[in-house]
Amino acid sequence: MSSHAGFIIAAYGVSFIALAGLIGWVFIDQRLQNRALRELESRGVRRRSEGKGAQP
């Protein structure tokens, strides 16, 4: 292997961990937002765009 193999492997490892963390964060946040939306809808709060036609 070349003398830079350690640096290259470390760079790929850090990039993989960062991307996996971001993807995980997106999925967790999606679940939290869906839960909050269901809670609001159960309290009677409705979406502004629900039931409206095309906006001018």
PDB file of N, CA and C in Angstrom:
ATOM      1  N   MET A   1       0.839  -1.188   0.000  1.00  0.00           N
ATOM      2  CA  MET A   1       0.000   0.000   0.000  1.00  0.00           C
ATOM      3  C   MET A   1       0.881   1.248   0.000  1.00  0.00           C
ATOM      4  N   SER A   2       0.293   2.316  -0.467  1.00  0.00           N
ATOM      5  CA  SER A   2       1.063   3.554  -0.531  1.00  0.00           C
ATOM      6  C   SER A   2       1.181   4.163   0.860  1.00  0.00           C
ATOM      7  N   SER A   3       1.987   5.161   0.965  1.00  0.00           N
ATOM      8  CA  SER A   3       2.202   5.807   2.260  1.00  0.00           C
ATOM      9  C   SER A   3       1.002   6.641   2.696  1.00  0.00           C
ATOM     10  N   HIS A   4       0.095   6.894   1.784  1.00  0.00           N
ATOM     11  CA  HIS A   4      -1.082   7.705   2.101  1.00  0.00           C
ATOM     12  C   HIS A   4      -2.326   6.866   2.391  1.00  0.00           C
ATOM     13  N   ALA A   5      -2.189   5.566   2.416  1.00  0.00           N
ATOM     14  CA  ALA A   5      -3.344   4.681   2.586  1.00  0.00           C
ATOM     15  C   ALA A   5      -4.056   4.939   3.911  1.00  0.00           C
ATOM     16  N   GLY A   6      -3.320   5.177   4.961  1.00  0.00           N
ATOM     17  CA  GLY A   6      -3.937   5.451   6.264  1.00  0.00           C
ATOM     18  C   GLY A   6      -4.796   6.703   6.234  1.00  0.00           C
ATOM     19  N   PHE A   7      -4.288   7.742   5.605  1.00  0.00           N
ATOM     20  CA  PHE A   7      -5.047   8.986   5.489  1.00  0.00           C
ATOM     21  C   PHE A   7      -6.308   8.777   4.656  1.00  0.00           C
ATOM     22  N   ILE A   8      -6.180   8.055   3.555  1.00  0.00           N
ATOM     23  CA  ILE A   8      -7.322   7.830   2.667  1.00  0.00           C
ATOM     24  C   ILE A   8      -8.389   7.005   3.371  1.00  0.00           C
ATOM     25  N   ILE A   9      -7.992   5.947   4.049  1.00  0.00           N
ATOM     26  CA  ILE A   9      -8.949   5.107   4.780  1.00  0.00           C
ATOM     27  C   ILE A   9      -9.625   5.909   5.886  1.00  0.00           C
ATOM     28  N   ALA A  10      -8.864   6.722   6.596  1.00  0.00           N
ATOM     29  CA  ALA A  10      -9.445   7.553   7.657  1.00  0.00           C
ATOM     30  C   ALA A  10     -10.429   8.569   7.083  1.00  0.00           C
ATOM     31  N   ALA A  11     -10.097   9.166   5.946  1.00  0.00           N
ATOM     32  CA  ALA A  11     -10.993  10.146   5.321  1.00  0.00           C
ATOM     33  C   ALA A  11     -12.300   9.486   4.896  1.00  0.00           C
ATOM     34  N   TYR A  12     -12.216   8.303   4.304  1.00  0.00           N
ATOM     35  CA  TYR A  12     -13.435   7.581   3.932  1.00  0.00           C
ATOM     36  C   TYR A  12     -14.235   7.201   5.177  1.00  0.00           C
ATOM     37  N   GLY A  13     -13.562   6.789   6.223  1.00  0.00           N
ATOM     38  CA  GLY A  13     -14.254   6.414   7.459  1.00  0.00           C
ATOM     39  C   GLY A  13     -14.994   7.585   8.080  1.00  0.00           C
ATOM     40  N   VAL A  14     -14.341   8.727   8.152  1.00  0.00           N
ATOM     41  CA  VAL A  14     -14.973   9.921   8.717  1.00  0.00           C
ATOM     42  C   VAL A  14     -16.152  10.356   7.848  1.00  0.00           C
ATOM     43  N   SER A  15     -15.983  10.299   6.536  1.00  0.00           N
ATOM     44  CA  SER A  15     -17.082  10.669   5.633  1.00  0.00           C
ATOM     45  C   SER A  15     -18.263   9.729   5.798  1.00  0.00           C
ATOM     46  N   PHE A  16     -18.002   8.438   5.918  1.00  0.00           N
ATOM     47  CA  PHE A  16     -19.074   7.460   6.096  1.00  0.00           C
ATOM     48  C   PHE A  16     -19.817   7.706   7.402  1.00  0.00           C
ATOM     49  N   ILE A  17     -19.091   7.955   8.475  1.00  0.00           N
ATOM     50  CA  ILE A  17     -19.725   8.205   9.774  1.00  0.00           C
ATOM     51  C   ILE A  17     -20.564   9.484   9.725  1.00  0.00           C
ATOM     52  N   ALA A  18     -20.038  10.526   9.084  1.00  0.00           N
ATOM     53  CA  ALA A  18     -20.786  11.787   8.985  1.00  0.00           C
ATOM     54  C   ALA A  18     -22.068  11.605   8.171  1.00  0.00           C
ATOM     55  N   LEU A  19     -21.982  10.922   7.047  1.00  0.00           N
ATOM     56  CA  LEU A  19     -23.173  10.694   6.221  1.00  0.00           C
ATOM     57  C   LEU A  19     -24.191   9.814   6.936  1.00  0.00           C
ATOM     58  N   ALA A  20     -23.726   8.773   7.608  1.00  0.00           N
ATOM     59  CA  ALA A  20     -24.637   7.906   8.355  1.00  0.00           C
ATOM     60  C   ALA A  20     -25.327   8.689   9.469  1.00  0.00           C
ATOM     61  N   GLY A  21     -24.591   9.579  10.129  1.00  0.00           N
ATOM     62  CA  GLY A  21     -25.188  10.412  11.171  1.00  0.00           C
ATOM     63  C   GLY A  21     -26.247  11.352  10.623  1.00  0.00           C
ATOM     64  N   LEU A  22     -25.975  11.968   9.490  1.00  0.00           N
ATOM     65  CA  LEU A  22     -26.954  12.873   8.879  1.00  0.00           C
ATOM     66  C   LEU A  22     -28.208  12.129   8.430  1.00  0.00           C
ATOM     67  N   ILE A  23     -28.027  10.964   7.828  1.00  0.00           N
ATOM     68  CA  ILE A  23     -29.181  10.173   7.390  1.00  0.00           C
ATOM     69  C   ILE A  23     -30.000   9.731   8.592  1.00  0.00           C
ATOM     70  N   GLY A  24     -29.330   9.291   9.648  1.00  0.00           N
ATOM     71  CA  GLY A  24     -30.040   8.906  10.865  1.00  0.00           C
ATOM     72  C   GLY A  24     -30.799  10.073  11.463  1.00  0.00           C
ATOM     73  N   TRP A  25     -30.191  11.239  11.471  1.00  0.00           N
ATOM     74  CA  TRP A  25     -30.834  12.432  12.019  1.00  0.00           C
ATOM     75  C   TRP A  25     -32.097  12.779  11.230  1.00  0.00           C
ATOM     76  N   VAL A  26     -32.033  12.659   9.907  1.00  0.00           N
ATOM     77  CA  VAL A  26     -33.196  12.953   9.068  1.00  0.00           C
ATOM     78  C   VAL A  26     -34.343  12.002   9.398  1.00  0.00           C
ATOM     79  N   PHE A  27     -34.054  10.708   9.531  1.00  0.00           N
ATOM     80  CA  PHE A  27     -35.114   9.745   9.839  1.00  0.00           C
ATOM     81  C   PHE A  27     -35.703   9.970  11.227  1.00  0.00           C
ATOM     82  N   ILE A  28     -34.862  10.270  12.204  1.00  0.00           N
ATOM     83  CA  ILE A  28     -35.361  10.536  13.560  1.00  0.00           C
ATOM     84  C   ILE A  28     -36.211  11.798  13.570  1.00  0.00           C
ATOM     85  N   ASP A  29     -35.756  12.846  12.881  1.00  0.00           N
ATOM     86  CA  ASP A  29     -36.514  14.094  12.839  1.00  0.00           C
ATOM     87  C   ASP A  29     -37.842  13.908  12.111  1.00  0.00           C
ATOM     88  N   GLN A  30     -37.854  13.073  11.077  1.00  0.00           N
ATOM     89  CA  GLN A  30     -39.102  12.799  10.369  1.00  0.00           C
ATOM     90  C   GLN A  30     -40.120  12.158  11.309  1.00  0.00           C
ATOM     91  N   ARG A  31     -39.679  11.207  12.106  1.00  0.00           N
ATOM     92  CA  ARG A  31     -40.590  10.567  13.056  1.00  0.00           C
ATOM     93  C   ARG A  31     -41.111  11.569  14.077  1.00  0.00           C
ATOM     94  N   LEU A  32     -40.242  12.441  14.571  1.00  0.00           N
ATOM     95  CA  LEU A  32     -40.664  13.444  15.551  1.00  0.00           C
ATOM     96  C   LEU A  32     -41.654  14.433  14.949  1.00  0.00           C
ATOM     97  N   GLN A  33     -41.408  14.868  13.717  1.00  0.00           N
ATOM     98  CA  GLN A  33     -42.314  15.816  13.068  1.00  0.00           C
ATOM     99  C   GLN A  33     -43.670  15.178  12.778  1.00  0.00           C
ATOM    100  N   ASN A  34     -43.674  13.915  12.354  1.00  0.00           N
ATOM    101  CA  ASN A  34     -44.943  13.224  12.116  1.00  0.00           C
ATOM    102  C   ASN A  34     -45.724  13.059  13.410  1.00  0.00           C
ATOM    103  N   ARG A  35     -45.042  12.769  14.499  1.00  0.00           N
ATOM    104  CA  ARG A  35     -45.700  12.637  15.800  1.00  0.00           C
ATOM    105  C   ARG A  35     -46.305  13.971  16.229  1.00  0.00           C
ATOM    106  N   ALA A  36     -45.555  15.058  16.044  1.00  0.00           N
ATOM    107  CA  ALA A  36     -46.065  16.385  16.404  1.00  0.00           C
ATOM    108  C   ALA A  36     -47.260  16.761  15.534  1.00  0.00           C
ATOM    109  N   LEU A  37     -47.220  16.418  14.255  1.00  0.00           N
ATOM    110  CA  LEU A  37     -48.332  16.715  13.358  1.00  0.00           C
ATOM    111  C   LEU A  37     -49.581  15.936  13.757  1.00  0.00           C
ATOM    112  N   ARG A  38     -49.421  14.661  14.087  1.00  0.00           N
ATOM    113  CA  ARG A  38     -50.574  13.868  14.538  1.00  0.00           C
ATOM    114  C   ARG A  38     -51.162  14.441  15.819  1.00  0.00           C
ATOM    115  N   GLU A  39     -50.297  14.905  16.728  1.00  0.00           N
ATOM    116  CA  GLU A  39     -50.780  15.495  17.979  1.00  0.00           C
ATOM    117  C   GLU A  39     -51.577  16.770  17.707  1.00  0.00           C
ATOM    118  N   LEU A  40     -51.076  17.620  16.829  1.00  0.00           N
ATOM    119  CA  LEU A  40     -51.798  18.847  16.488  1.00  0.00           C
ATOM    120  C   LEU A  40     -53.133  18.533  15.829  1.00  0.00           C
ATOM    121  N   GLU A  41     -53.142  17.570  14.920  1.00  0.00           N
ATOM    122  CA  GLU A  41     -54.389  17.213  14.248  1.00  0.00           C
ATOM    123  C   GLU A  41     -55.394  16.612  15.221  1.00  0.00           C
ATOM    124  N   SER A  42     -54.921  15.881  16.221  1.00  0.00           N
ATOM    125  CA  SER A  42     -55.846  15.306  17.202  1.00  0.00           C
ATOM    126  C   SER A  42     -56.449  16.384  18.098  1.00  0.00           C
ATOM    127  N   ARG A  43     -55.745  17.516  18.245  1.00  0.00           N
ATOM    128  CA  ARG A  43     -56.277  18.631  19.039  1.00  0.00           C
ATOM    129  C   ARG A  43     -57.198  19.531  18.229  1.00  0.00           C
ATOM    130  N   GLY A  44     -57.341  19.242  16.952  1.00  0.00           N
ATOM    131  CA  GLY A  44     -58.249  20.024  16.121  1.00  0.00           C
ATOM    132  C   GLY A  44     -57.570  21.056  15.255  1.00  0.00           C
ATOM    133  N   VAL A  45     -56.271  21.176  15.329  1.00  0.00           N
ATOM    134  CA  VAL A  45     -55.552  22.121  14.482  1.00  0.00           C
ATOM    135  C   VAL A  45     -55.414  21.479  13.112  1.00  0.00           C
ATOM    136  N   ARG A  46     -55.810  22.195  12.084  1.00  0.00           N
ATOM    137  CA  ARG A  46     -55.764  21.659  10.725  1.00  0.00           C
ATOM    138  C   ARG A  46     -54.724  22.398   9.902  1.00  0.00           C
ATOM    139  N   ARG A  47     -54.309  21.766   8.827  1.00  0.00           N
ATOM    140  CA  ARG A  47     -53.339  22.377   7.921  1.00  0.00           C
ATOM    141  C   ARG A  47     -54.003  23.498   7.141  1.00  0.00           C
ATOM    142  N   ARG A  48     -53.268  24.546   6.876  1.00  0.00           N
ATOM    143  CA  ARG A  48     -53.813  25.673   6.118  1.00  0.00           C
ATOM    144  C   ARG A  48     -54.150  25.271   4.692  1.00  0.00           C
ATOM    145  N   SER A  49     -53.360  24.395   4.130  1.00  0.00           N
ATOM    146  CA  SER A  49     -53.561  24.024   2.732  1.00  0.00           C
ATOM    147  C   SER A  49     -54.654  22.976   2.561  1.00  0.00           C
ATOM    148  N   GLU A  50     -55.156  22.404   3.638  1.00  0.00           N
ATOM    149  CA  GLU A  50     -56.154  21.345   3.542  1.00  0.00           C
ATOM    150  C   GLU A  50     -57.495  21.900   3.081  1.00  0.00           C
ATOM    151  N   GLY A  51     -58.049  21.310   2.047  1.00  0.00           N
ATOM    152  CA  GLY A  51     -59.381  21.662   1.588  1.00  0.00           C
ATOM    153  C   GLY A  51     -59.476  22.911   0.741  1.00  0.00           C
ATOM    154  N   LYS A  52     -58.389  23.532   0.412  1.00  0.00           N
ATOM    155  CA  LYS A  52     -58.418  24.745  -0.407  1.00  0.00           C
ATOM    156  C   LYS A  52     -58.086  24.399  -1.844  1.00  0.00           C
ATOM    157  N   GLY A  53     -58.629  25.185  -2.743  1.00  0.00           N
ATOM    158  CA  GLY A  53     -58.348  25.012  -4.166  1.00  0.00           C
ATOM    159  C   GLY A  53     -57.025  25.652  -4.526  1.00  0.00           C
ATOM    160  N   ALA A  54     -56.866  25.884  -5.796  1.00  0.00           N
ATOM    161  CA  ALA A  54     -55.639  26.508  -6.289  1.00  0.00           C
ATOM    162  C   ALA A  54     -55.547  27.943  -5.783  1.00  0.00           C
ATOM    163  N   GLN A  55     -54.378  28.315  -5.369  1.00  0.00           N
ATOM    164  CA  GLN A  55     -54.142  29.671  -4.881  1.00  0.00           C
ATOM    165  C   GLN A  55     -53.860  30.589  -6.064  1.00  0.00           C
ATOM    166  N   PRO A  56     -54.397  31.801  -6.061  1.00  0.00           N
ATOM    167  CA  PRO A  56     -54.137  32.743  -7.173  1.00  0.00           C
ATOM    168  C   PRO A  56     -52.717  33.258  -7.155  1.00  0.00           C
TER     169      PRO A  56
END
